[in-house]
Amino acid sequence: MRGALGFFKEKKVPSSQVKVVWVPGAFELAGSAARMARSGKVQAIVAVGCILQGETSHHRTLSQATVSGVMMAGLLTGVPVTCGVITAQNWKLAMDRSKPKGLNRGREAAQAAWEMANHG
């Protein structure tokens, strides 16, 4: 999330135009994104989260459903919805994908949303 917020700050997007919505888990991102998109009050949505592999294969099902749901929220509403959901085997690998400088999936998702809202 910090990477996404940092990107919007660099682009001088007023903080009043950036709304952070917390959900209980990654699976709930799609429903929240769809609800926000249908509201007509947003130009784009950045879904940021993390799914870690556990002792079972449940993370695969959860990851597929989450990414598909986030994609469908955008397709069905016409509002750009980008996916910055990290799926990783462990916490270290997840952190490697969300570094303040360098690879940061949240920042990448924010940049894609900004480009889609302003140029798409």
Protein backbone atom coordinates (compact mmCIF):
# COMPACT_ATOMS: atom_id res chain seq x y z
CA MET A 1 0.00 0.00 0.00
CA ARG A 2 2.84 2.39 0.78
CA GLY A 3 4.17 1.98 -2.74
CA ALA A 4 0.78 2.87 -4.24
CA LEU A 5 0.33 5.88 -1.97
CA GLY A 6 3.89 7.01 -2.70
CA PHE A 7 3.21 6.90 -6.43
CA PHE A 8 0.10 9.08 -6.10
CA LYS A 9 2.03 11.53 -3.92
CA GLU A 10 4.78 11.78 -6.57
CA LYS A 11 2.10 12.49 -9.19
CA LYS A 12 0.75 15.23 -6.90
CA VAL A 13 -2.67 13.61 -6.63
CA PRO A 14 -4.35 15.44 -3.73
CA SER A 15 -4.79 13.23 -0.68
CA SER A 16 -8.48 14.16 -0.71
CA GLN A 17 -8.76 12.24 -3.99
CA VAL A 18 -7.14 9.08 -2.61
CA LYS A 19 -9.31 6.89 -0.42
CA VAL A 20 -7.90 3.90 1.45
CA VAL A 21 -10.42 1.16 2.18
CA TRP A 22 -9.41 -1.76 4.39
CA VAL A 23 -10.96 -5.20 3.88
CA PRO A 24 -10.60 -8.30 6.09
CA GLY A 25 -8.57 -10.26 3.53
CA ALA A 26 -7.48 -10.45 -0.09
CA PHE A 27 -10.59 -12.37 -1.13
CA GLU A 28 -12.76 -9.40 -0.14
CA LEU A 29 -10.88 -7.00 -2.44
CA ALA A 30 -13.04 -7.86 -5.46
CA GLY A 31 -16.36 -7.18 -3.76
CA SER A 32 -15.12 -3.91 -2.33
CA ALA A 33 -13.65 -2.86 -5.70
CA ALA A 34 -16.91 -3.65 -7.50
CA ARG A 35 -18.96 -1.71 -4.95
CA MET A 36 -16.67 1.30 -5.21
CA ALA A 37 -16.63 1.18 -9.00
CA ARG A 38 -20.43 1.06 -9.18
CA SER A 39 -20.65 4.11 -6.89
CA GLY A 40 -19.56 6.39 -9.72
CA LYS A 41 -17.33 8.29 -7.29
CA VAL A 42 -13.93 6.93 -8.33
CA GLN A 43 -11.76 7.24 -11.42
CA ALA A 44 -9.74 4.09 -10.74
CA ILE A 45 -9.18 1.45 -8.09
CA VAL A 46 -5.94 -0.14 -6.94
CA ALA A 47 -6.41 -3.47 -5.18
CA VAL A 48 -3.40 -4.20 -2.98
CA GLY A 49 -2.99 -7.28 -0.83
CA CYS A 50 -0.97 -10.37 -0.12
CA ILE A 51 -1.71 -14.09 -0.17
CA LEU A 52 0.87 -16.35 1.42
CA GLN A 53 1.17 -20.07 0.83
CA GLY A 54 0.14 -22.08 3.84
CA GLU A 55 0.35 -25.76 4.61
CA THR A 56 -2.36 -26.65 2.07
CA SER A 57 -3.06 -25.65 -1.53
CA HIS A 58 -5.87 -23.29 -0.48
CA HIS A 59 -3.74 -20.29 -1.48
CA ARG A 60 -4.04 -21.30 -5.15
CA THR A 61 -7.82 -21.25 -5.08
CA LEU A 62 -7.85 -18.02 -3.11
CA SER A 63 -5.36 -16.35 -5.46
CA GLN A 64 -7.26 -17.34 -8.60
CA ALA A 65 -10.59 -16.19 -7.19
CA THR A 66 -9.14 -12.91 -5.94
CA VAL A 67 -7.40 -11.98 -9.18
CA SER A 68 -10.41 -13.03 -11.29
CA GLY A 69 -12.78 -11.08 -9.08
CA VAL A 70 -10.66 -7.94 -9.20
CA MET A 71 -10.46 -8.22 -12.98
CA MET A 72 -14.23 -8.73 -13.27
CA ALA A 73 -14.90 -5.64 -11.14
CA GLY A 74 -13.15 -3.56 -13.77
CA LEU A 75 -14.60 -5.35 -16.77
CA LEU A 76 -18.19 -5.14 -15.55
CA THR A 77 -18.08 -1.50 -14.50
CA GLY A 78 -15.72 0.10 -17.00
CA VAL A 79 -13.69 1.60 -14.15
CA PRO A 80 -9.98 0.77 -14.28
CA VAL A 81 -9.28 -1.73 -11.49
CA THR A 82 -5.67 -2.84 -11.14
CA CYS A 83 -4.33 -5.75 -9.16
CA GLY A 84 -1.38 -5.31 -6.84
CA VAL A 85 -2.01 -8.56 -5.01
CA ILE A 86 1.19 -10.40 -4.18
CA THR A 87 1.11 -14.18 -4.03
CA ALA A 88 4.19 -15.64 -2.43
CA GLN A 89 5.48 -18.77 -0.74
CA ASN A 90 6.52 -16.88 2.38
CA TRP A 91 6.76 -13.49 4.04
CA LYS A 92 10.33 -12.82 2.84
CA LEU A 93 9.38 -13.34 -0.81
CA ALA A 94 6.34 -11.11 -0.35
CA MET A 95 8.53 -8.38 1.14
CA ASP A 96 10.94 -8.75 -1.81
CA ARG A 97 8.03 -7.71 -4.06
CA SER A 98 7.15 -4.65 -2.02
CA LYS A 99 10.42 -2.83 -1.48
CA PRO A 100 10.36 0.94 -0.99
CA LYS A 101 12.90 1.29 -3.81
CA GLY A 102 12.95 -1.20 -6.64
CA LEU A 103 10.35 -3.89 -7.19
CA ASN A 104 7.02 -2.83 -5.67
CA ARG A 105 3.78 -4.42 -6.90
CA GLY A 106 1.59 -1.82 -5.18
CA ARG A 107 3.40 1.00 -6.92
CA GLU A 108 3.13 -0.81 -10.26
CA ALA A 109 -0.61 -1.26 -9.78
CA ALA A 110 -1.03 2.42 -8.86
CA GLN A 111 0.90 3.48 -11.94
CA ALA A 112 -1.26 1.27 -14.16
CA ALA A 113 -4.46 2.67 -12.60
CA TRP A 114 -3.24 6.23 -13.02
CA GLU A 115 -2.32 5.62 -16.66
CA MET A 116 -5.65 3.94 -17.39
CA ALA A 117 -7.66 6.71 -15.70
CA ASN A 118 -5.74 9.49 -17.42
CA HIS A 119 -4.78 8.04 -20.77
CA GLY A 120 -6.75 4.83 -21.28
